[in-house]
Structure formats: C-alpha cells, structure tokens
Amino acid sequence: MKVERAVYLTLTFGTISSLLLFSIGLILDIIGIKIASAVILAAIVVLVITPMIRVIVAMFSFASSKEKYNVAVAFVVLFFMVLSLIVGFLLRIMPSG
C-alpha cells in the first residue's frame, strides 16, 4: 500500500470517528444522559491520537518500502509528539506555585 493512501485512510477514519463521537456526545448531552461527557472525552482523545497513529502508519509504510531515512524521520517525529504529550500531562497535574 502506498504511504499516501495509508495516511489518507488513517486521517479519514480518525476524523470521522471523532466527529461521530462528538455528535453522539452532544445528542446524549441534549437528552440529559450523564455519560455524554465521557463520550465527548473519547472524541477528544481520538482527535488527539489520530496524528500520532498517522505517523506510526507512515513509519510502517516506509519500513515496508525499505526507506530507512523516512522511517528514522517518522520515528523522531513520533518521539517528539509523545514527549510533548507526556510533558503536557505532567505540567497539568503539577501544582503551580
């Protein structure tokens, strides 16, 4: 499978999944069901993780094409994405002051 096609399918699936979860969460919130916030949170998680999955898919596609340089670049990009996510969580839970 070509890299562009794999990345396209990943981004499309992630975006549509997030949109559906947001819509379901909004409908549940309008109806007054308490689980709506959990569904909306799941939509946010899917939306945030979609670019990371895209980089992973690209990395495996490059590996199957034996493009070592592109695999290394994708790995570095993924490393910094995960690092920024971890730092964001740590800064969020640390008390300020």
PDB file of N, CA and C in Angstrom:
ATOM      1  N   MET A   1       0.856  -1.177   0.000  1.00  0.00           N
ATOM      2  CA  MET A   1       0.000   0.000   0.000  1.00  0.00           C
ATOM      3  C   MET A   1       0.899   1.236   0.000  1.00  0.00           C
ATOM      4  N   LYS A   2       0.535   2.211  -0.783  1.00  0.00           N
ATOM      5  CA  LYS A   2       1.323   3.432  -0.832  1.00  0.00           C
ATOM      6  C   LYS A   2       1.178   4.215   0.474  1.00  0.00           C
ATOM      7  N   VAL A   3       2.223   4.950   0.781  1.00  0.00           N
ATOM      8  CA  VAL A   3       2.244   5.720   2.023  1.00  0.00           C
ATOM      9  C   VAL A   3       1.110   6.734   2.043  1.00  0.00           C
ATOM     10  N   GLU A   4       0.906   7.438   0.943  1.00  0.00           N
ATOM     11  CA  GLU A   4      -0.131   8.473   0.907  1.00  0.00           C
ATOM     12  C   GLU A   4      -1.516   7.887   1.153  1.00  0.00           C
ATOM     13  N   ARG A   5      -1.779   6.741   0.579  1.00  0.00           N
ATOM     14  CA  ARG A   5      -3.088   6.097   0.744  1.00  0.00           C
ATOM     15  C   ARG A   5      -3.300   5.657   2.196  1.00  0.00           C
ATOM     16  N   ALA A   6      -2.267   5.085   2.796  1.00  0.00           N
ATOM     17  CA  ALA A   6      -2.370   4.635   4.185  1.00  0.00           C
ATOM     18  C   ALA A   6      -2.596   5.815   5.123  1.00  0.00           C
ATOM     19  N   VAL A   7      -1.868   6.904   4.896  1.00  0.00           N
ATOM     20  CA  VAL A   7      -2.021   8.098   5.727  1.00  0.00           C
ATOM     21  C   VAL A   7      -3.402   8.701   5.528  1.00  0.00           C
ATOM     22  N   TYR A   8      -3.860   8.746   4.292  1.00  0.00           N
ATOM     23  CA  TYR A   8      -5.188   9.283   3.987  1.00  0.00           C
ATOM     24  C   TYR A   8      -6.275   8.495   4.715  1.00  0.00           C
ATOM     25  N   LEU A   9      -6.202   7.182   4.639  1.00  0.00           N
ATOM     26  CA  LEU A   9      -7.212   6.348   5.291  1.00  0.00           C
ATOM     27  C   LEU A   9      -7.180   6.513   6.812  1.00  0.00           C
ATOM     28  N   THR A  10      -5.984   6.624   7.366  1.00  0.00           N
ATOM     29  CA  THR A  10      -5.855   6.807   8.811  1.00  0.00           C
ATOM     30  C   THR A  10      -6.475   8.121   9.264  1.00  0.00           C
ATOM     31  N   LEU A  11      -6.119   9.209   8.576  1.00  0.00           N
ATOM     32  CA  LEU A  11      -6.663  10.514   8.948  1.00  0.00           C
ATOM     33  C   LEU A  11      -8.174  10.579   8.745  1.00  0.00           C
ATOM     34  N   THR A  12      -8.656   9.993   7.656  1.00  0.00           N
ATOM     35  CA  THR A  12     -10.092   9.994   7.390  1.00  0.00           C
ATOM     36  C   THR A  12     -10.850   9.216   8.466  1.00  0.00           C
ATOM     37  N   PHE A  13     -10.360   8.028   8.797  1.00  0.00           N
ATOM     38  CA  PHE A  13     -11.021   7.208   9.812  1.00  0.00           C
ATOM     39  C   PHE A  13     -11.009   7.906  11.171  1.00  0.00           C
ATOM     40  N   GLY A  14      -9.882   8.487  11.550  1.00  0.00           N
ATOM     41  CA  GLY A  14      -9.791   9.175  12.834  1.00  0.00           C
ATOM     42  C   GLY A  14     -10.708  10.377  12.915  1.00  0.00           C
ATOM     43  N   THR A  15     -10.748  11.158  11.843  1.00  0.00           N
ATOM     44  CA  THR A  15     -11.592  12.353  11.833  1.00  0.00           C
ATOM     45  C   THR A  15     -13.076  11.992  11.877  1.00  0.00           C
ATOM     46  N   ILE A  16     -13.473  11.010  11.086  1.00  0.00           N
ATOM     47  CA  ILE A  16     -14.880  10.604  11.060  1.00  0.00           C
ATOM     48  C   ILE A  16     -15.275   9.977  12.398  1.00  0.00           C
ATOM     49  N   SER A  17     -14.389   9.171  12.974  1.00  0.00           N
ATOM     50  CA  SER A  17     -14.683   8.570  14.278  1.00  0.00           C
ATOM     51  C   SER A  17     -14.873   9.639  15.347  1.00  0.00           C
ATOM     52  N   SER A  18     -13.992  10.627  15.342  1.00  0.00           N
ATOM     53  CA  SER A  18     -14.098  11.712  16.312  1.00  0.00           C
ATOM     54  C   SER A  18     -15.377  12.511  16.107  1.00  0.00           C
ATOM     55  N   LEU A  19     -15.715  12.790  14.855  1.00  0.00           N
ATOM     56  CA  LEU A  19     -16.939  13.524  14.554  1.00  0.00           C
ATOM     57  C   LEU A  19     -18.171  12.762  15.035  1.00  0.00           C
ATOM     58  N   LEU A  20     -18.194  11.466  14.801  1.00  0.00           N
ATOM     59  CA  LEU A  20     -19.332  10.658  15.250  1.00  0.00           C
ATOM     60  C   LEU A  20     -19.432  10.643  16.775  1.00  0.00           C
ATOM     61  N   LEU A  21     -18.282  10.515  17.446  1.00  0.00           N
ATOM     62  CA  LEU A  21     -18.314  10.514  18.905  1.00  0.00           C
ATOM     63  C   LEU A  21     -18.760  11.864  19.459  1.00  0.00           C
ATOM     64  N   PHE A  22     -18.275  12.958  18.856  1.00  0.00           N
ATOM     65  CA  PHE A  22     -18.727  14.284  19.280  1.00  0.00           C
ATOM     66  C   PHE A  22     -20.234  14.431  19.084  1.00  0.00           C
ATOM     67  N   SER A  23     -20.732  13.971  17.941  1.00  0.00           N
ATOM     68  CA  SER A  23     -22.167  14.081  17.659  1.00  0.00           C
ATOM     69  C   SER A  23     -22.993  13.271  18.646  1.00  0.00           C
ATOM     70  N   ILE A  24     -22.551  12.052  18.910  1.00  0.00           N
ATOM     71  CA  ILE A  24     -23.266  11.206  19.869  1.00  0.00           C
ATOM     72  C   ILE A  24     -23.232  11.836  21.258  1.00  0.00           C
ATOM     73  N   GLY A  25     -22.073  12.358  21.645  1.00  0.00           N
ATOM     74  CA  GLY A  25     -21.961  13.011  22.954  1.00  0.00           C
ATOM     75  C   GLY A  25     -22.855  14.230  23.067  1.00  0.00           C
ATOM     76  N   LEU A  26     -22.933  15.009  22.002  1.00  0.00           N
ATOM     77  CA  LEU A  26     -23.802  16.188  22.003  1.00  0.00           C
ATOM     78  C   LEU A  26     -25.269  15.790  22.115  1.00  0.00           C
ATOM     79  N   ILE A  27     -25.663  14.780  21.367  1.00  0.00           N
ATOM     80  CA  ILE A  27     -27.052  14.311  21.434  1.00  0.00           C
ATOM     81  C   ILE A  27     -27.371  13.778  22.832  1.00  0.00           C
ATOM     82  N   LEU A  28     -26.440  13.004  23.397  1.00  0.00           N
ATOM     83  CA  LEU A  28     -26.660  12.479  24.750  1.00  0.00           C
ATOM     84  C   LEU A  28     -26.737  13.610  25.770  1.00  0.00           C
ATOM     85  N   ASP A  29     -25.946  14.664  25.565  1.00  0.00           N
ATOM     86  CA  ASP A  29     -25.983  15.798  26.481  1.00  0.00           C
ATOM     87  C   ASP A  29     -27.310  16.544  26.374  1.00  0.00           C
ATOM     88  N   ILE A  30     -27.811  16.694  25.168  1.00  0.00           N
ATOM     89  CA  ILE A  30     -29.101  17.367  24.967  1.00  0.00           C
ATOM     90  C   ILE A  30     -30.224  16.566  25.617  1.00  0.00           C
ATOM     91  N   ILE A  31     -30.152  15.243  25.478  1.00  0.00           N
ATOM     92  CA  ILE A  31     -31.167  14.381  26.076  1.00  0.00           C
ATOM     93  C   ILE A  31     -31.056  14.398  27.597  1.00  0.00           C
ATOM     94  N   GLY A  32     -29.851  14.602  28.114  1.00  0.00           N
ATOM     95  CA  GLY A  32     -29.659  14.658  29.557  1.00  0.00           C
ATOM     96  C   GLY A  32     -29.059  13.407  30.155  1.00  0.00           C
ATOM     97  N   ILE A  33     -28.413  12.602  29.333  1.00  0.00           N
ATOM     98  CA  ILE A  33     -27.783  11.378  29.822  1.00  0.00           C
ATOM     99  C   ILE A  33     -26.380  11.725  30.324  1.00  0.00           C
ATOM    100  N   LYS A  34     -26.038  11.221  31.506  1.00  0.00           N
ATOM    101  CA  LYS A  34     -24.800  11.630  32.178  1.00  0.00           C
ATOM    102  C   LYS A  34     -23.529  11.128  31.515  1.00  0.00           C
ATOM    103  N   ILE A  35     -23.617  10.108  30.690  1.00  0.00           N
ATOM    104  CA  ILE A  35     -22.422   9.545  30.057  1.00  0.00           C
ATOM    105  C   ILE A  35     -21.918  10.414  28.897  1.00  0.00           C
ATOM    106  N   ALA A  36     -22.616  11.479  28.599  1.00  0.00           N
ATOM    107  CA  ALA A  36     -22.264  12.335  27.468  1.00  0.00           C
ATOM    108  C   ALA A  36     -20.858  12.899  27.589  1.00  0.00           C
ATOM    109  N   SER A  37     -20.451  13.289  28.781  1.00  0.00           N
ATOM    110  CA  SER A  37     -19.115  13.867  28.940  1.00  0.00           C
ATOM    111  C   SER A  37     -18.027  12.833  28.671  1.00  0.00           C
ATOM    112  N   ALA A  38     -18.276  11.579  28.998  1.00  0.00           N
ATOM    113  CA  ALA A  38     -17.303  10.526  28.721  1.00  0.00           C
ATOM    114  C   ALA A  38     -17.177  10.285  27.215  1.00  0.00           C
ATOM    115  N   VAL A  39     -18.281  10.357  26.500  1.00  0.00           N
ATOM    116  CA  VAL A  39     -18.256  10.171  25.050  1.00  0.00           C
ATOM    117  C   VAL A  39     -17.525  11.339  24.393  1.00  0.00           C
ATOM    118  N   ILE A  40     -17.756  12.546  24.865  1.00  0.00           N
ATOM    119  CA  ILE A  40     -17.073  13.713  24.315  1.00  0.00           C
ATOM    120  C   ILE A  40     -15.576  13.633  24.624  1.00  0.00           C
ATOM    121  N   LEU A  41     -15.222  13.165  25.804  1.00  0.00           N
ATOM    122  CA  LEU A  41     -13.814  12.981  26.147  1.00  0.00           C
ATOM    123  C   LEU A  41     -13.167  11.941  25.232  1.00  0.00           C
ATOM    124  N   ALA A  42     -13.882  10.881  24.927  1.00  0.00           N
ATOM    125  CA  ALA A  42     -13.373   9.868  23.996  1.00  0.00           C
ATOM    126  C   ALA A  42     -13.148  10.472  22.609  1.00  0.00           C
ATOM    127  N   ALA A  43     -14.049  11.356  22.192  1.00  0.00           N
ATOM    128  CA  ALA A  43     -13.892  12.025  20.895  1.00  0.00           C
ATOM    129  C   ALA A  43     -12.638  12.891  20.880  1.00  0.00           C
ATOM    130  N   ILE A  44     -12.372  13.565  21.981  1.00  0.00           N
ATOM    131  CA  ILE A  44     -11.172  14.402  22.072  1.00  0.00           C
ATOM    132  C   ILE A  44      -9.916  13.534  22.031  1.00  0.00           C
ATOM    133  N   VAL A  45      -9.937  12.418  22.734  1.00  0.00           N
ATOM    134  CA  VAL A  45      -8.785  11.511  22.732  1.00  0.00           C
ATOM    135  C   VAL A  45      -8.537  10.979  21.323  1.00  0.00           C
ATOM    136  N   VAL A  46      -9.581  10.580  20.626  1.00  0.00           N
ATOM    137  CA  VAL A  46      -9.435  10.089  19.258  1.00  0.00           C
ATOM    138  C   VAL A  46      -8.864  11.188  18.363  1.00  0.00           C
ATOM    139  N   LEU A  47      -9.345  12.400  18.531  1.00  0.00           N
ATOM    140  CA  LEU A  47      -8.870  13.510  17.715  1.00  0.00           C
ATOM    141  C   LEU A  47      -7.401  13.829  17.988  1.00  0.00           C
ATOM    142  N   VAL A  48      -6.971  13.713  19.230  1.00  0.00           N
ATOM    143  CA  VAL A  48      -5.573  13.995  19.576  1.00  0.00           C
ATOM    144  C   VAL A  48      -4.650  12.865  19.121  1.00  0.00           C
ATOM    145  N   ILE A  49      -5.098  11.633  19.231  1.00  0.00           N
ATOM    146  CA  ILE A  49      -4.247  10.493  18.911  1.00  0.00           C
ATOM    147  C   ILE A  49      -4.171  10.215  17.408  1.00  0.00           C
ATOM    148  N   THR A  50      -5.111  10.714  16.636  1.00  0.00           N
ATOM    149  CA  THR A  50      -5.116  10.465  15.191  1.00  0.00           C
ATOM    150  C   THR A  50      -3.809  10.866  14.506  1.00  0.00           C
ATOM    151  N   PRO A  51      -3.238  12.050  14.763  1.00  0.00           N
ATOM    152  CA  PRO A  51      -1.958  12.363  14.110  1.00  0.00           C
ATOM    153  C   PRO A  51      -0.817  11.423  14.518  1.00  0.00           C
ATOM    154  N   MET A  52      -0.845  10.952  15.766  1.00  0.00           N
ATOM    155  CA  MET A  52       0.192  10.012  16.195  1.00  0.00           C
ATOM    156  C   MET A  52       0.061   8.688  15.451  1.00  0.00           C
ATOM    157  N   ILE A  53      -1.152   8.232  15.296  1.00  0.00           N
ATOM    158  CA  ILE A  53      -1.387   6.989  14.554  1.00  0.00           C
ATOM    159  C   ILE A  53      -0.984   7.171  13.093  1.00  0.00           C
ATOM    160  N   ARG A  54      -1.215   8.358  12.557  1.00  0.00           N
ATOM    161  CA  ARG A  54      -0.813   8.659  11.190  1.00  0.00           C
ATOM    162  C   ARG A  54       0.695   8.522  11.024  1.00  0.00           C
ATOM    163  N   VAL A  55       1.453   9.022  11.984  1.00  0.00           N
ATOM    164  CA  VAL A  55       2.913   8.917  11.917  1.00  0.00           C
ATOM    165  C   VAL A  55       3.346   7.460  12.042  1.00  0.00           C
ATOM    166  N   ILE A  56       2.690   6.702  12.899  1.00  0.00           N
ATOM    167  CA  ILE A  56       3.016   5.275  13.043  1.00  0.00           C
ATOM    168  C   ILE A  56       2.726   4.533  11.746  1.00  0.00           C
ATOM    169  N   VAL A  57       1.580   4.810  11.128  1.00  0.00           N
ATOM    170  CA  VAL A  57       1.233   4.167   9.852  1.00  0.00           C
ATOM    171  C   VAL A  57       2.249   4.537   8.785  1.00  0.00           C
ATOM    172  N   ALA A  58       2.632   5.807   8.731  1.00  0.00           N
ATOM    173  CA  ALA A  58       3.632   6.237   7.756  1.00  0.00           C
ATOM    174  C   ALA A  58       4.966   5.538   8.008  1.00  0.00           C
ATOM    175  N   MET A  59       5.330   5.386   9.276  1.00  0.00           N
ATOM    176  CA  MET A  59       6.591   4.726   9.606  1.00  0.00           C
ATOM    177  C   MET A  59       6.590   3.273   9.126  1.00  0.00           C
ATOM    178  N   PHE A  60       5.500   2.561   9.347  1.00  0.00           N
ATOM    179  CA  PHE A  60       5.422   1.177   8.885  1.00  0.00           C
ATOM    180  C   PHE A  60       5.357   1.090   7.361  1.00  0.00           C
ATOM    181  N   SER A  61       4.691   2.056   6.744  1.00  0.00           N
ATOM    182  CA  SER A  61       4.646   2.063   5.275  1.00  0.00           C
ATOM    183  C   SER A  61       6.039   2.315   4.707  1.00  0.00           C
ATOM    184  N   PHE A  62       6.776   3.233   5.303  1.00  0.00           N
ATOM    185  CA  PHE A  62       8.148   3.478   4.864  1.00  0.00           C
ATOM    186  C   PHE A  62       9.027   2.258   5.100  1.00  0.00           C
ATOM    187  N   ALA A  63       8.807   1.575   6.216  1.00  0.00           N
ATOM    188  CA  ALA A  63       9.602   0.380   6.513  1.00  0.00           C
ATOM    189  C   ALA A  63       9.335  -0.726   5.494  1.00  0.00           C
ATOM    190  N   SER A  64       8.075  -0.864   5.088  1.00  0.00           N
ATOM    191  CA  SER A  64       7.767  -1.900   4.098  1.00  0.00           C
ATOM    192  C   SER A  64       8.342  -1.559   2.729  1.00  0.00           C
ATOM    193  N   SER A  65       8.556  -0.258   2.481  1.00  0.00           N
ATOM    194  CA  SER A  65       9.176   0.182   1.227  1.00  0.00           C
ATOM    195  C   SER A  65      10.698   0.257   1.347  1.00  0.00           C
ATOM    196  N   LYS A  66      11.227  -0.099   2.511  1.00  0.00           N
ATOM    197  CA  LYS A  66      12.658  -0.076   2.799  1.00  0.00           C
ATOM    198  C   LYS A  66      13.263   1.315   2.643  1.00  0.00           C
ATOM    199  N   GLU A  67      12.517   2.324   3.091  1.00  0.00           N
ATOM    200  CA  GLU A  67      13.000   3.701   3.078  1.00  0.00           C
ATOM    201  C   GLU A  67      13.467   4.040   4.490  1.00  0.00           C
ATOM    202  N   LYS A  68      14.722   3.703   4.789  1.00  0.00           N
ATOM    203  CA  LYS A  68      15.250   3.804   6.148  1.00  0.00           C
ATOM    204  C   LYS A  68      15.307   5.246   6.644  1.00  0.00           C
ATOM    205  N   TYR A  69      15.668   6.169   5.777  1.00  0.00           N
ATOM    206  CA  TYR A  69      15.750   7.567   6.192  1.00  0.00           C
ATOM    207  C   TYR A  69      14.379   8.084   6.627  1.00  0.00           C
ATOM    208  N   ASN A  70      13.343   7.789   5.867  1.00  0.00           N
ATOM    209  CA  ASN A  70      11.996   8.240   6.207  1.00  0.00           C
ATOM    210  C   ASN A  70      11.465   7.567   7.469  1.00  0.00           C
ATOM    211  N   VAL A  71      11.861   6.316   7.690  1.00  0.00           N
ATOM    212  CA  VAL A  71      11.483   5.633   8.934  1.00  0.00           C
ATOM    213  C   VAL A  71      12.106   6.358  10.122  1.00  0.00           C
ATOM    214  N   ALA A  72      13.369   6.730   9.990  1.00  0.00           N
ATOM    215  CA  ALA A  72      14.052   7.431  11.077  1.00  0.00           C
ATOM    216  C   ALA A  72      13.413   8.788  11.344  1.00  0.00           C
ATOM    217  N   VAL A  73      13.073   9.516  10.298  1.00  0.00           N
ATOM    218  CA  VAL A  73      12.430  10.822  10.467  1.00  0.00           C
ATOM    219  C   VAL A  73      11.063  10.657  11.129  1.00  0.00           C
ATOM    220  N   ALA A  74      10.284   9.677  10.688  1.00  0.00           N
ATOM    221  CA  ALA A  74       8.972   9.436  11.287  1.00  0.00           C
ATOM    222  C   ALA A  74       9.111   9.046  12.756  1.00  0.00           C
ATOM    223  N   PHE A  75      10.150   8.273  13.082  1.00  0.00           N
ATOM    224  CA  PHE A  75      10.371   7.892  14.472  1.00  0.00           C
ATOM    225  C   PHE A  75      10.705   9.107  15.329  1.00  0.00           C
ATOM    226  N   VAL A  76      11.534   9.996  14.828  1.00  0.00           N
ATOM    227  CA  VAL A  76      11.876  11.215  15.573  1.00  0.00           C
ATOM    228  C   VAL A  76      10.626  12.073  15.783  1.00  0.00           C
ATOM    229  N   VAL A  77       9.817  12.220  14.747  1.00  0.00           N
ATOM    230  CA  VAL A  77       8.574  12.991  14.865  1.00  0.00           C
ATOM    231  C   VAL A  77       7.662  12.361  15.913  1.00  0.00           C
ATOM    232  N   LEU A  78       7.515  11.045  15.879  1.00  0.00           N
ATOM    233  CA  LEU A  78       6.678  10.349  16.856  1.00  0.00           C
ATOM    234  C   LEU A  78       7.231  10.522  18.269  1.00  0.00           C
ATOM    235  N   PHE A  79       8.552  10.448  18.412  1.00  0.00           N
ATOM    236  CA  PHE A  79       9.173  10.639  19.711  1.00  0.00           C
ATOM    237  C   PHE A  79       8.805  12.003  20.294  1.00  0.00           C
ATOM    238  N   PHE A  80       8.921  13.058  19.486  1.00  0.00           N
ATOM    239  CA  PHE A  80       8.617  14.390  19.988  1.00  0.00           C
ATOM    240  C   PHE A  80       7.121  14.588  20.236  1.00  0.00           C
ATOM    241  N   MET A  81       6.281  13.928  19.476  1.00  0.00           N
ATOM    242  CA  MET A  81       4.843  14.006  19.730  1.00  0.00           C
ATOM    243  C   MET A  81       4.503  13.370  21.076  1.00  0.00           C
ATOM    244  N   VAL A  82       5.054  12.194  21.335  1.00  0.00           N
ATOM    245  CA  VAL A  82       4.796  11.505  22.601  1.00  0.00           C
ATOM    246  C   VAL A  82       5.408  12.289  23.758  1.00  0.00           C
ATOM    247  N   LEU A  83       6.612  12.810  23.559  1.00  0.00           N
ATOM    248  CA  LEU A  83       7.262  13.602  24.602  1.00  0.00           C
ATOM    249  C   LEU A  83       6.437  14.839  24.950  1.00  0.00           C
ATOM    250  N   SER A  84       5.915  15.518  23.953  1.00  0.00           N
ATOM    251  CA  SER A  84       5.109  16.706  24.228  1.00  0.00           C
ATOM    252  C   SER A  84       3.802  16.350  24.928  1.00  0.00           C
ATOM    253  N   LEU A  85       3.232  15.211  24.597  1.00  0.00           N
ATOM    254  CA  LEU A  85       2.019  14.757  25.273  1.00  0.00           C
ATOM    255  C   LEU A  85       2.306  14.451  26.745  1.00  0.00           C
ATOM    256  N   ILE A  86       3.419  13.792  27.002  1.00  0.00           N
ATOM    257  CA  ILE A  86       3.795  13.472  28.378  1.00  0.00           C
ATOM    258  C   ILE A  86       4.078  14.739  29.178  1.00  0.00           C
ATOM    259  N   VAL A  87       4.830  15.659  28.588  1.00  0.00           N
ATOM    260  CA  VAL A  87       5.127  16.919  29.278  1.00  0.00           C
ATOM    261  C   VAL A  87       3.840  17.697  29.547  1.00  0.00           C
ATOM    262  N   GLY A  88       2.926  17.690  28.602  1.00  0.00           N
ATOM    263  CA  GLY A  88       1.643  18.363  28.799  1.00  0.00           C
ATOM    264  C   GLY A  88       0.864  17.779  29.964  1.00  0.00           C
ATOM    265  N   PHE A  89       0.842  16.463  30.066  1.00  0.00           N
ATOM    266  CA  PHE A  89       0.151  15.831  31.190  1.00  0.00           C
ATOM    267  C   PHE A  89       0.848  16.142  32.508  1.00  0.00           C
ATOM    268  N   LEU A  90       2.172  16.095  32.510  1.00  0.00           N
ATOM    269  CA  LEU A  90       2.901  16.370  33.743  1.00  0.00           C
ATOM    270  C   LEU A  90       2.703  17.809  34.200  1.00  0.00           C
ATOM    271  N   LEU A  91       2.717  18.738  33.278  1.00  0.00           N
ATOM    272  CA  LEU A  91       2.500  20.137  33.648  1.00  0.00           C
ATOM    273  C   LEU A  91       1.079  20.375  34.116  1.00  0.00           C
ATOM    274  N   ARG A  92       0.151  19.598  33.621  1.00  0.00           N
ATOM    275  CA  ARG A  92      -1.246  19.754  34.010  1.00  0.00           C
ATOM    276  C   ARG A  92      -1.483  19.265  35.437  1.00  0.00           C
ATOM    277  N   ILE A  93      -0.798  18.177  35.813  1.00  0.00           N
ATOM    278  CA  ILE A  93      -1.058  17.612  37.139  1.00  0.00           C
ATOM    279  C   ILE A  93      -0.160  18.201  38.217  1.00  0.00           C
ATOM    280  N   MET A  94       0.914  18.900  37.820  1.00  0.00           N
ATOM    281  CA  MET A  94       1.791  19.508  38.829  1.00  0.00           C
ATOM    282  C   MET A  94       1.133  20.750  39.406  1.00  0.00           C
ATOM    283  N   PRO A  95       1.217  20.900  40.714  1.00  0.00           N
ATOM    284  CA  PRO A  95       0.644  22.120  41.305  1.00  0.00           C
ATOM    285  C   PRO A  95       1.484  23.335  40.931  1.00  0.00           C
ATOM    286  N   SER A  96       0.813  24.413  40.614  1.00  0.00           N
ATOM    287  CA  SER A  96       1.535  25.637  40.288  1.00  0.00           C
ATOM    288  C   SER A  96       1.824  26.396  41.566  1.00  0.00           C
ATOM    289  N   GLY A  97       2.950  27.064  41.577  1.00  0.00           N
ATOM    290  CA  GLY A  97       3.212  27.877  42.744  1.00  0.00           C
ATOM    291  C   GLY A  97       4.555  27.662  43.217  1.00  0.00           C
TER     292      GLY A  97
END
